[in-house]
């Protein structure tokens, strides 16, 4: 996989790396990583909410660093993708205000 950024004129600038981490204004991240090789699906990329899990991390660290991905179709060739955390509370259960995540 080759990774590029673009300059203000739209020119591609190669970047050395194995994945791309995008940090949104609210501090949440999405990682774009090369797809694991599989013969039954076409070549593509994997999108991770937060960061791709690593075998070097503890289970607690993996839970902290990973998030769900929301997908909202915008057009036939465009998707709006956003990371979010699933609440650990039950639907009718109130959480203290200090525990509620706030997006800017």
PDB file of N, CA and C in Angstrom:
ATOM      1  N   UNK A   1       0.854  -1.163   0.000  1.00  0.00           N
ATOM      2  CA  UNK A   1       0.000   0.000   0.000  1.00  0.00           C
ATOM      3  C   UNK A   1       0.905   1.232   0.000  1.00  0.00           C
ATOM      4  N   UNK A   2       0.556   2.219  -0.798  1.00  0.00           N
ATOM      5  CA  UNK A   2       1.265   3.492  -0.815  1.00  0.00           C
ATOM      6  C   UNK A   2       0.375   4.525  -0.140  1.00  0.00           C
ATOM      7  N   UNK A   3       0.981   5.409   0.636  1.00  0.00           N
ATOM      8  CA  UNK A   3       0.235   6.434   1.365  1.00  0.00           C
ATOM      9  C   UNK A   3       0.676   7.804   0.870  1.00  0.00           C
ATOM     10  N   UNK A   4      -0.287   8.685   0.640  1.00  0.00           N
ATOM     11  CA  UNK A   4      -0.008  10.033   0.185  1.00  0.00           C
ATOM     12  C   UNK A   4      -0.826  11.036   0.995  1.00  0.00           C
ATOM     13  N   UNK A   5      -0.317  12.253   1.102  1.00  0.00           N
ATOM     14  CA  UNK A   5      -1.116  13.394   1.528  1.00  0.00           C
ATOM     15  C   UNK A   5      -1.180  14.305   0.307  1.00  0.00           C
ATOM     16  N   UNK A   6      -2.013  15.320   0.373  1.00  0.00           N
ATOM     17  CA  UNK A   6      -2.074  16.267  -0.737  1.00  0.00           C
ATOM     18  C   UNK A   6      -1.690  17.654  -0.241  1.00  0.00           C
ATOM     19  N   UNK A   7      -1.057  18.423  -1.130  1.00  0.00           N
ATOM     20  CA  UNK A   7      -0.753  19.807  -0.791  1.00  0.00           C
ATOM     21  C   UNK A   7      -1.932  20.686  -1.198  1.00  0.00           C
ATOM     22  N   UNK A   8      -1.795  21.996  -1.039  1.00  0.00           N
ATOM     23  CA  UNK A   8      -2.894  22.923  -1.339  1.00  0.00           C
ATOM     24  C   UNK A   8      -3.282  22.939  -2.812  1.00  0.00           C
ATOM     25  N   UNK A   9      -2.390  22.478  -3.691  1.00  0.00           N
ATOM     26  CA  UNK A   9      -2.685  22.427  -5.123  1.00  0.00           C
ATOM     27  C   UNK A   9      -3.215  21.067  -5.564  1.00  0.00           C
ATOM     28  N   UNK A  10      -3.352  20.125  -4.630  1.00  0.00           N
ATOM     29  CA  UNK A  10      -3.873  18.802  -4.950  1.00  0.00           C
ATOM     30  C   UNK A  10      -2.820  17.804  -5.394  1.00  0.00           C
ATOM     31  N   UNK A  11      -1.540  18.184  -5.317  1.00  0.00           N
ATOM     32  CA  UNK A  11      -0.464  17.273  -5.681  1.00  0.00           C
ATOM     33  C   UNK A  11      -0.280  16.206  -4.607  1.00  0.00           C
ATOM     34  N   UNK A  12      -0.004  14.982  -5.033  1.00  0.00           N
ATOM     35  CA  UNK A  12       0.217  13.888  -4.096  1.00  0.00           C
ATOM     36  C   UNK A  12       1.634  13.932  -3.554  1.00  0.00           C
ATOM     37  N   UNK A  13       1.757  13.798  -2.224  1.00  0.00           N
ATOM     38  CA  UNK A  13       3.058  13.781  -1.558  1.00  0.00           C
ATOM     39  C   UNK A  13       3.175  12.438  -0.846  1.00  0.00           C
ATOM     40  N   UNK A  14       4.155  11.588  -1.261  1.00  0.00           N
ATOM     41  CA  UNK A  14       4.291  10.267  -0.627  1.00  0.00           C
ATOM     42  C   UNK A  14       4.683  10.379   0.847  1.00  0.00           C
ATOM     43  N   UNK A  15       4.134   9.478   1.649  1.00  0.00           N
ATOM     44  CA  UNK A  15       4.435   9.408   3.077  1.00  0.00           C
ATOM     45  C   UNK A  15       4.893   7.989   3.381  1.00  0.00           C
ATOM     46  N   UNK A  16       5.972   7.862   4.144  1.00  0.00           N
ATOM     47  CA  UNK A  16       6.476   6.545   4.521  1.00  0.00           C
ATOM     48  C   UNK A  16       5.739   6.083   5.774  1.00  0.00           C
ATOM     49  N   UNK A  17       5.080   4.942   5.726  1.00  0.00           N
ATOM     50  CA  UNK A  17       4.356   4.415   6.876  1.00  0.00           C
ATOM     51  C   UNK A  17       3.542   3.207   6.482  1.00  0.00           C
ATOM     52  N   UNK A  18       2.880   2.598   7.488  1.00  0.00           N
ATOM     53  CA  UNK A  18       2.062   1.412   7.193  1.00  0.00           C
ATOM     54  C   UNK A  18       0.574   1.667   7.380  1.00  0.00           C
ATOM     55  N   UNK A  19       0.210   2.801   8.002  1.00  0.00           N
ATOM     56  CA  UNK A  19      -1.196   3.150   8.159  1.00  0.00           C
ATOM     57  C   UNK A  19      -1.308   4.660   8.311  1.00  0.00           C
ATOM     58  N   UNK A  20      -2.543   5.144   8.278  1.00  0.00           N
ATOM     59  CA  UNK A  20      -2.821   6.569   8.454  1.00  0.00           C
ATOM     60  C   UNK A  20      -3.774   6.709   9.630  1.00  0.00           C
ATOM     61  N   UNK A  21      -3.444   7.569  10.575  1.00  0.00           N
ATOM     62  CA  UNK A  21      -4.332   7.859  11.694  1.00  0.00           C
ATOM     63  C   UNK A  21      -4.824   9.287  11.511  1.00  0.00           C
ATOM     64  N   UNK A  22      -6.133   9.445  11.466  1.00  0.00           N
ATOM     65  CA  UNK A  22      -6.756  10.759  11.321  1.00  0.00           C
ATOM     66  C   UNK A  22      -7.368  11.133  12.658  1.00  0.00           C
ATOM     67  N   UNK A  23      -6.938  12.270  13.216  1.00  0.00           N
ATOM     68  CA  UNK A  23      -7.518  12.759  14.466  1.00  0.00           C
ATOM     69  C   UNK A  23      -8.509  13.862  14.135  1.00  0.00           C
ATOM     70  N   UNK A  24      -9.762  13.660  14.533  1.00  0.00           N
ATOM     71  CA  UNK A  24     -10.818  14.643  14.297  1.00  0.00           C
ATOM     72  C   UNK A  24     -10.726  15.770  15.322  1.00  0.00           C
ATOM     73  N   UNK A  25     -11.433  16.854  15.070  1.00  0.00           N
ATOM     74  CA  UNK A  25     -11.418  18.000  15.988  1.00  0.00           C
ATOM     75  C   UNK A  25     -11.863  17.637  17.399  1.00  0.00           C
ATOM     76  N   UNK A  26     -12.722  16.610  17.537  1.00  0.00           N
ATOM     77  CA  UNK A  26     -13.195  16.212  18.865  1.00  0.00           C
ATOM     78  C   UNK A  26     -12.214  15.266  19.568  1.00  0.00           C
ATOM     79  N   UNK A  27     -11.048  15.001  18.954  1.00  0.00           N
ATOM     80  CA  UNK A  27     -10.029  14.154  19.563  1.00  0.00           C
ATOM     81  C   UNK A  27     -10.150  12.682  19.227  1.00  0.00           C
ATOM     82  N   UNK A  28     -11.239  12.267  18.633  1.00  0.00           N
ATOM     83  CA  UNK A  28     -11.409  10.849  18.265  1.00  0.00           C
ATOM     84  C   UNK A  28     -10.612  10.554  17.006  1.00  0.00           C
ATOM     85  N   UNK A  29     -10.253   9.280  16.832  1.00  0.00           N
ATOM     86  CA  UNK A  29      -9.417   8.921  15.698  1.00  0.00           C
ATOM     87  C   UNK A  29     -10.017   7.793  14.871  1.00  0.00           C
ATOM     88  N   UNK A  30      -9.596   7.763  13.615  1.00  0.00           N
ATOM     89  CA  UNK A  30      -9.899   6.676  12.681  1.00  0.00           C
ATOM     90  C   UNK A  30      -8.561   6.259  12.095  1.00  0.00           C
ATOM     91  N   UNK A  31      -8.295   4.951  12.076  1.00  0.00           N
ATOM     92  CA  UNK A  31      -7.056   4.465  11.475  1.00  0.00           C
ATOM     93  C   UNK A  31      -7.384   3.736  10.181  1.00  0.00           C
ATOM     94  N   UNK A  32      -6.654   4.073   9.133  1.00  0.00           N
ATOM     95  CA  UNK A  32      -6.787   3.409   7.841  1.00  0.00           C
ATOM     96  C   UNK A  32      -5.562   2.521   7.687  1.00  0.00           C
ATOM     97  N   UNK A  33      -5.793   1.223   7.589  1.00  0.00           N
ATOM     98  CA  UNK A  33      -4.694   0.262   7.526  1.00  0.00           C
ATOM     99  C   UNK A  33      -4.868  -0.650   6.324  1.00  0.00           C
ATOM    100  N   UNK A  34      -3.758  -1.170   5.849  1.00  0.00           N
ATOM    101  CA  UNK A  34      -3.794  -2.108   4.739  1.00  0.00           C
ATOM    102  C   UNK A  34      -4.560  -3.357   5.165  1.00  0.00           C
ATOM    103  N   UNK A  35      -5.340  -3.868   4.236  1.00  0.00           N
ATOM    104  CA  UNK A  35      -6.150  -5.043   4.508  1.00  0.00           C
ATOM    105  C   UNK A  35      -5.281  -6.280   4.670  1.00  0.00           C
ATOM    106  N   UNK A  36      -5.671  -7.143   5.586  1.00  0.00           N
ATOM    107  CA  UNK A  36      -5.003  -8.434   5.728  1.00  0.00           C
ATOM    108  C   UNK A  36      -5.287  -9.264   4.477  1.00  0.00           C
ATOM    109  N   UNK A  37      -4.315 -10.021   4.036  1.00  0.00           N
ATOM    110  CA  UNK A  37      -4.467 -10.817   2.813  1.00  0.00           C
ATOM    111  C   UNK A  37      -5.524 -11.899   2.995  1.00  0.00           C
ATOM    112  N   UNK A  38      -6.473 -11.903   2.085  1.00  0.00           N
ATOM    113  CA  UNK A  38      -7.496 -12.947   2.038  1.00  0.00           C
ATOM    114  C   UNK A  38      -7.830 -13.212   0.583  1.00  0.00           C
ATOM    115  N   UNK A  39      -7.949 -14.463   0.237  1.00  0.00           N
ATOM    116  CA  UNK A  39      -8.239 -14.817  -1.150  1.00  0.00           C
ATOM    117  C   UNK A  39      -9.709 -14.644  -1.512  1.00  0.00           C
ATOM    118  N   UNK A  40     -10.594 -14.584  -0.504  1.00  0.00           N
ATOM    119  CA  UNK A  40     -12.025 -14.562  -0.793  1.00  0.00           C
ATOM    120  C   UNK A  40     -12.613 -13.153  -0.922  1.00  0.00           C
ATOM    121  N   UNK A  41     -11.805 -12.103  -0.734  1.00  0.00           N
ATOM    122  CA  UNK A  41     -12.308 -10.736  -0.898  1.00  0.00           C
ATOM    123  C   UNK A  41     -11.297  -9.912  -1.695  1.00  0.00           C
ATOM    124  N   UNK A  42     -11.767  -8.892  -2.433  1.00  0.00           N
ATOM    125  CA  UNK A  42     -10.839  -8.077  -3.216  1.00  0.00           C
ATOM    126  C   UNK A  42      -9.918  -7.244  -2.325  1.00  0.00           C
ATOM    127  N   UNK A  43      -8.777  -6.837  -2.893  1.00  0.00           N
ATOM    128  CA  UNK A  43      -7.842  -5.997  -2.154  1.00  0.00           C
ATOM    129  C   UNK A  43      -8.516  -4.687  -1.769  1.00  0.00           C
ATOM    130  N   UNK A  44      -8.220  -4.195  -0.572  1.00  0.00           N
ATOM    131  CA  UNK A  44      -8.821  -2.958  -0.104  1.00  0.00           C
ATOM    132  C   UNK A  44      -8.110  -2.469   1.143  1.00  0.00           C
ATOM    133  N   UNK A  45      -8.818  -1.736   1.968  1.00  0.00           N
ATOM    134  CA  UNK A  45      -8.265  -1.224   3.222  1.00  0.00           C
ATOM    135  C   UNK A  45      -9.184  -1.605   4.369  1.00  0.00           C
ATOM    136  N   UNK A  46      -8.655  -1.551   5.579  1.00  0.00           N
ATOM    137  CA  UNK A  46      -9.454  -1.726   6.795  1.00  0.00           C
ATOM    138  C   UNK A  46      -9.550  -0.377   7.485  1.00  0.00           C
ATOM    139  N   UNK A  47     -10.726  -0.022   7.933  1.00  0.00           N
ATOM    140  CA  UNK A  47     -10.940   1.187   8.727  1.00  0.00           C
ATOM    141  C   UNK A  47     -11.186   0.771  10.158  1.00  0.00           C
ATOM    142  N   UNK A  48     -10.473   1.388  11.088  1.00  0.00           N
ATOM    143  CA  UNK A  48     -10.616   1.073  12.506  1.00  0.00           C
ATOM    144  C   UNK A  48     -11.111   2.309  13.233  1.00  0.00           C
ATOM    145  N   UNK A  49     -12.144   2.162  14.037  1.00  0.00           N
ATOM    146  CA  UNK A  49     -12.550   3.235  14.932  1.00  0.00           C
ATOM    147  C   UNK A  49     -11.542   3.312  16.051  1.00  0.00           C
ATOM    148  N   UNK A  50     -10.971   4.473  16.270  1.00  0.00           N
ATOM    149  CA  UNK A  50      -9.882   4.592  17.239  1.00  0.00           C
ATOM    150  C   UNK A  50      -8.605   4.134  16.582  1.00  0.00           C
ATOM    151  N   UNK A  51      -8.010   3.057  17.093  1.00  0.00           N
ATOM    152  CA  UNK A  51      -6.770   2.516  16.537  1.00  0.00           C
ATOM    153  C   UNK A  51      -6.910   1.016  16.313  1.00  0.00           C
ATOM    154  N   UNK A  52      -6.115   0.487  15.398  1.00  0.00           N
ATOM    155  CA  UNK A  52      -6.106  -0.950  15.147  1.00  0.00           C
ATOM    156  C   UNK A  52      -5.617  -1.669  16.399  1.00  0.00           C
ATOM    157  N   UNK A  53      -6.331  -2.700  16.865  1.00  0.00           N
ATOM    158  CA  UNK A  53      -5.879  -3.432  18.057  1.00  0.00           C
ATOM    159  C   UNK A  53      -4.508  -4.061  17.835  1.00  0.00           C
ATOM    160  N   UNK A  54      -3.695  -4.087  18.862  1.00  0.00           N
ATOM    161  CA  UNK A  54      -2.350  -4.656  18.801  1.00  0.00           C
ATOM    162  C   UNK A  54      -2.215  -5.746  19.854  1.00  0.00           C
ATOM    163  N   UNK A  55      -1.522  -6.809  19.486  1.00  0.00           N
ATOM    164  CA  UNK A  55      -1.314  -7.908  20.434  1.00  0.00           C
ATOM    165  C   UNK A  55      -0.392  -7.493  21.578  1.00  0.00           C
ATOM    166  N   UNK A  56       0.289  -6.354  21.442  1.00  0.00           N
ATOM    167  CA  UNK A  56       1.187  -5.864  22.485  1.00  0.00           C
ATOM    168  C   UNK A  56       0.440  -5.125  23.594  1.00  0.00           C
ATOM    169  N   UNK A  57      -0.841  -4.824  23.373  1.00  0.00           N
ATOM    170  CA  UNK A  57      -1.621  -4.065  24.352  1.00  0.00           C
ATOM    171  C   UNK A  57      -2.418  -4.992  25.260  1.00  0.00           C
ATOM    172  N   UNK A  58      -2.702  -4.524  26.464  1.00  0.00           N
ATOM    173  CA  UNK A  58      -3.576  -5.276  27.362  1.00  0.00           C
ATOM    174  C   UNK A  58      -5.016  -5.146  26.860  1.00  0.00           C
ATOM    175  N   UNK A  59      -5.888  -6.015  27.356  1.00  0.00           N
ATOM    176  CA  UNK A  59      -7.297  -5.953  26.957  1.00  0.00           C
ATOM    177  C   UNK A  59      -7.892  -4.593  27.309  1.00  0.00           C
ATOM    178  N   UNK A  60      -7.538  -4.058  28.466  1.00  0.00           N
ATOM    179  CA  UNK A  60      -8.052  -2.748  28.887  1.00  0.00           C
ATOM    180  C   UNK A  60      -7.600  -1.638  27.918  1.00  0.00           C
ATOM    181  N   UNK A  61      -6.325  -1.688  27.493  1.00  0.00           N
ATOM    182  CA  UNK A  61      -5.823  -0.688  26.550  1.00  0.00           C
ATOM    183  C   UNK A  61      -6.509  -0.799  25.192  1.00  0.00           C
ATOM    184  N   UNK A  62      -6.779  -2.034  24.750  1.00  0.00           N
ATOM    185  CA  UNK A  62      -7.478  -2.236  23.485  1.00  0.00           C
ATOM    186  C   UNK A  62      -8.877  -1.645  23.562  1.00  0.00           C
ATOM    187  N   UNK A  63      -9.582  -1.888  24.648  1.00  0.00           N
ATOM    188  CA  UNK A  63     -10.935  -1.346  24.818  1.00  0.00           C
ATOM    189  C   UNK A  63     -10.900   0.174  24.817  1.00  0.00           C
ATOM    190  N   UNK A  64      -9.904   0.770  25.470  1.00  0.00           N
ATOM    191  CA  UNK A  64      -9.771   2.227  25.531  1.00  0.00           C
ATOM    192  C   UNK A  64      -9.469   2.825  24.160  1.00  0.00           C
ATOM    193  N   UNK A  65      -8.645   2.159  23.360  1.00  0.00           N
ATOM    194  CA  UNK A  65      -8.181   2.714  22.088  1.00  0.00           C
ATOM    195  C   UNK A  65      -9.095   2.419  20.904  1.00  0.00           C
ATOM    196  N   UNK A  66     -10.054   1.496  21.037  1.00  0.00           N
ATOM    197  CA  UNK A  66     -10.915   1.157  19.914  1.00  0.00           C
ATOM    198  C   UNK A  66     -12.311   1.727  20.104  1.00  0.00           C
ATOM    199  N   UNK A  67     -12.944   2.067  18.995  1.00  0.00           N
ATOM    200  CA  UNK A  67     -14.291   2.620  18.994  1.00  0.00           C
ATOM    201  C   UNK A  67     -15.088   1.999  17.858  1.00  0.00           C
ATOM    202  N   UNK A  68     -16.387   2.130  17.929  1.00  0.00           N
ATOM    203  CA  UNK A  68     -17.252   1.677  16.849  1.00  0.00           C
ATOM    204  C   UNK A  68     -17.149   2.659  15.689  1.00  0.00           C
ATOM    205  N   UNK A  69     -17.557   2.220  14.509  1.00  0.00           N
ATOM    206  CA  UNK A  69     -17.616   3.105  13.353  1.00  0.00           C
ATOM    207  C   UNK A  69     -19.060   3.260  12.906  1.00  0.00           C
ATOM    208  N   UNK A  70     -19.475   4.485  12.725  1.00  0.00           N
ATOM    209  CA  UNK A  70     -20.766   4.771  12.135  1.00  0.00           C
ATOM    210  C   UNK A  70     -20.556   5.061  10.664  1.00  0.00           C
ATOM    211  N   UNK A  71     -21.481   4.596   9.832  1.00  0.00           N
ATOM    212  CA  UNK A  71     -21.374   4.808   8.394  1.00  0.00           C
ATOM    213  C   UNK A  71     -22.680   5.418   7.906  1.00  0.00           C
ATOM    214  N   UNK A  72     -22.560   6.568   7.246  1.00  0.00           N
ATOM    215  CA  UNK A  72     -23.727   7.258   6.723  1.00  0.00           C
ATOM    216  C   UNK A  72     -23.521   7.465   5.227  1.00  0.00           C
ATOM    217  N   UNK A  73     -24.316   6.800   4.374  1.00  0.00           N
ATOM    218  CA  UNK A  73     -24.144   6.989   2.929  1.00  0.00           C
ATOM    219  C   UNK A  73     -24.477   8.421   2.514  1.00  0.00           C
ATOM    220  N   UNK A  74     -23.585   9.052   1.756  1.00  0.00           N
ATOM    221  CA  UNK A  74     -23.798  10.416   1.276  1.00  0.00           C
ATOM    222  C   UNK A  74     -24.202  10.423  -0.205  1.00  0.00           C
ATOM    223  N   UNK A  75     -23.612   9.532  -0.974  1.00  0.00           N
ATOM    224  CA  UNK A  75     -23.872   9.405  -2.407  1.00  0.00           C
ATOM    225  C   UNK A  75     -23.409   8.018  -2.830  1.00  0.00           C
ATOM    226  N   UNK A  76     -23.559   7.699  -4.109  1.00  0.00           N
ATOM    227  CA  UNK A  76     -23.147   6.385  -4.594  1.00  0.00           C
ATOM    228  C   UNK A  76     -21.653   6.158  -4.419  1.00  0.00           C
ATOM    229  N   UNK A  77     -20.866   7.236  -4.372  1.00  0.00           N
ATOM    230  CA  UNK A  77     -19.417   7.095  -4.249  1.00  0.00           C
ATOM    231  C   UNK A  77     -18.856   7.797  -3.018  1.00  0.00           C
ATOM    232  N   UNK A  78     -19.695   8.056  -2.010  1.00  0.00           N
ATOM    233  CA  UNK A  78     -19.215   8.775  -0.819  1.00  0.00           C
ATOM    234  C   UNK A  78     -19.911   8.263   0.436  1.00  0.00           C
ATOM    235  N   UNK A  79     -19.123   8.067   1.493  1.00  0.00           N
ATOM    236  CA  UNK A  79     -19.626   7.669   2.799  1.00  0.00           C
ATOM    237  C   UNK A  79     -19.116   8.652   3.843  1.00  0.00           C
ATOM    238  N   UNK A  80     -19.938   8.996   4.816  1.00  0.00           N
ATOM    239  CA  UNK A  80     -19.498   9.750   5.989  1.00  0.00           C
ATOM    240  C   UNK A  80     -19.249   8.704   7.068  1.00  0.00           C
ATOM    241  N   UNK A  81     -18.014   8.617   7.547  1.00  0.00           N
ATOM    242  CA  UNK A  81     -17.629   7.608   8.534  1.00  0.00           C
ATOM    243  C   UNK A  81     -17.183   8.332   9.795  1.00  0.00           C
ATOM    244  N   UNK A  82     -17.694   7.893  10.945  1.00  0.00           N
ATOM    245  CA  UNK A  82     -17.360   8.566  12.197  1.00  0.00           C
ATOM    246  C   UNK A  82     -17.195   7.553  13.320  1.00  0.00           C
ATOM    247  N   UNK A  83     -16.215   7.784  14.211  1.00  0.00           N
ATOM    248  CA  UNK A  83     -16.018   6.897  15.357  1.00  0.00           C
ATOM    249  C   UNK A  83     -16.928   7.307  16.510  1.00  0.00           C
ATOM    250  N   UNK A  84     -17.367   6.324  17.293  1.00  0.00           N
ATOM    251  CA  UNK A  84     -18.163   6.612  18.479  1.00  0.00           C
ATOM    252  C   UNK A  84     -18.001   5.477  19.479  1.00  0.00           C
ATOM    253  N   UNK A  85     -18.279   5.764  20.733  1.00  0.00           N
ATOM    254  CA  UNK A  85     -18.236   4.754  21.797  1.00  0.00           C
ATOM    255  C   UNK A  85     -19.651   4.309  22.107  1.00  0.00           C
ATOM    256  N   UNK A  86     -19.826   3.021  22.296  1.00  0.00           N
ATOM    257  CA  UNK A  86     -21.116   2.487  22.725  1.00  0.00           C
ATOM    258  C   UNK A  86     -21.189   2.655  24.228  1.00  0.00           C
ATOM    259  N   UNK A  87     -22.302   3.161  24.710  1.00  0.00           N
ATOM    260  CA  UNK A  87     -22.493   3.364  26.141  1.00  0.00           C
ATOM    261  C   UNK A  87     -22.590   2.012  26.836  1.00  0.00           C
ATOM    262  N   UNK A  88     -21.999   1.927  28.024  1.00  0.00           N
ATOM    263  CA  UNK A  88     -22.071   0.682  28.782  1.00  0.00           C
ATOM    264  C   UNK A  88     -23.289   0.656  29.703  1.00  0.00           C
ATOM    265  N   UNK A  89     -24.107   1.711  29.674  1.00  0.00           N
ATOM    266  CA  UNK A  89     -25.295   1.738  30.524  1.00  0.00           C
ATOM    267  C   UNK A  89     -26.472   1.116  29.796  1.00  0.00           C
ATOM    268  N   UNK A  90     -27.465   0.697  30.556  1.00  0.00           N
ATOM    269  CA  UNK A  90     -28.680   0.138  29.984  1.00  0.00           C
ATOM    270  C   UNK A  90     -29.534   1.299  29.457  1.00  0.00           C
ATOM    271  N   UNK A  91     -30.402   1.052  28.469  1.00  0.00           N
ATOM    272  CA  UNK A  91     -31.143   2.137  27.827  1.00  0.00           C
ATOM    273  C   UNK A  91     -31.907   3.059  28.780  1.00  0.00           C
ATOM    274  N   UNK A  92     -32.510   2.542  29.842  1.00  0.00           N
ATOM    275  CA  UNK A  92     -33.306   3.378  30.746  1.00  0.00           C
ATOM    276  C   UNK A  92     -32.534   3.842  31.969  1.00  0.00           C
ATOM    277  N   UNK A  93     -31.240   3.610  31.974  1.00  0.00           N
ATOM    278  CA  UNK A  93     -30.411   3.937  33.131  1.00  0.00           C
ATOM    279  C   UNK A  93     -29.762   5.307  32.935  1.00  0.00           C
ATOM    280  N   UNK A  94     -29.811   6.165  33.927  1.00  0.00           N
ATOM    281  CA  UNK A  94     -29.187   7.489  33.873  1.00  0.00           C
ATOM    282  C   UNK A  94     -27.740   7.378  34.315  1.00  0.00           C
ATOM    283  N   UNK A  95     -26.856   8.095  33.652  1.00  0.00           N
ATOM    284  CA  UNK A  95     -25.459   8.154  34.059  1.00  0.00           C
ATOM    285  C   UNK A  95     -25.212   9.512  34.703  1.00  0.00           C
ATOM    286  N   UNK A  96     -24.321   9.560  35.686  1.00  0.00           N
ATOM    287  CA  UNK A  96     -23.949  10.855  36.241  1.00  0.00           C
ATOM    288  C   UNK A  96     -23.362  11.743  35.153  1.00  0.00           C
ATOM    289  N   UNK A  97     -23.613  13.039  35.218  1.00  0.00           N
ATOM    290  CA  UNK A  97     -23.157  13.992  34.202  1.00  0.00           C
ATOM    291  C   UNK A  97     -21.655  13.885  33.956  1.00  0.00           C
ATOM    292  N   UNK A  98     -20.861  13.611  34.972  1.00  0.00           N
ATOM    293  CA  UNK A  98     -19.406  13.517  34.831  1.00  0.00           C
ATOM    294  C   UNK A  98     -18.994  12.338  33.959  1.00  0.00           C
ATOM    295  N   UNK A  99     -19.845  11.300  33.842  1.00  0.00           N
ATOM    296  CA  UNK A  99     -19.510  10.116  33.063  1.00  0.00           C
ATOM    297  C   UNK A  99     -19.939  10.223  31.602  1.00  0.00           C
ATOM    298  N   UNK A 100     -20.720  11.226  31.246  1.00  0.00           N
ATOM    299  CA  UNK A 100     -21.239  11.359  29.904  1.00  0.00           C
ATOM    300  C   UNK A 100     -20.172  11.963  28.983  1.00  0.00           C
ATOM    301  N   UNK A 101     -19.878  11.253  27.857  1.00  0.00           N
ATOM    302  CA  UNK A 101     -18.912  11.786  26.904  1.00  0.00           C
ATOM    303  C   UNK A 101     -19.571  12.919  26.132  1.00  0.00           C
ATOM    304  N   UNK A 102     -18.840  13.987  25.947  1.00  0.00           N
ATOM    305  CA  UNK A 102     -19.356  15.129  25.205  1.00  0.00           C
ATOM    306  C   UNK A 102     -18.513  15.359  23.980  1.00  0.00           C
ATOM    307  N   UNK A 103     -19.167  15.495  22.821  1.00  0.00           N
ATOM    308  CA  UNK A 103     -18.480  15.847  21.588  1.00  0.00           C
ATOM    309  C   UNK A 103     -18.556  17.347  21.410  1.00  0.00           C
ATOM    310  N   UNK A 104     -17.458  17.931  20.935  1.00  0.00           N
ATOM    311  CA  UNK A 104     -17.455  19.366  20.693  1.00  0.00           C
ATOM    312  C   UNK A 104     -18.179  19.707  19.415  1.00  0.00           C
TER     313      UNK A 104
END
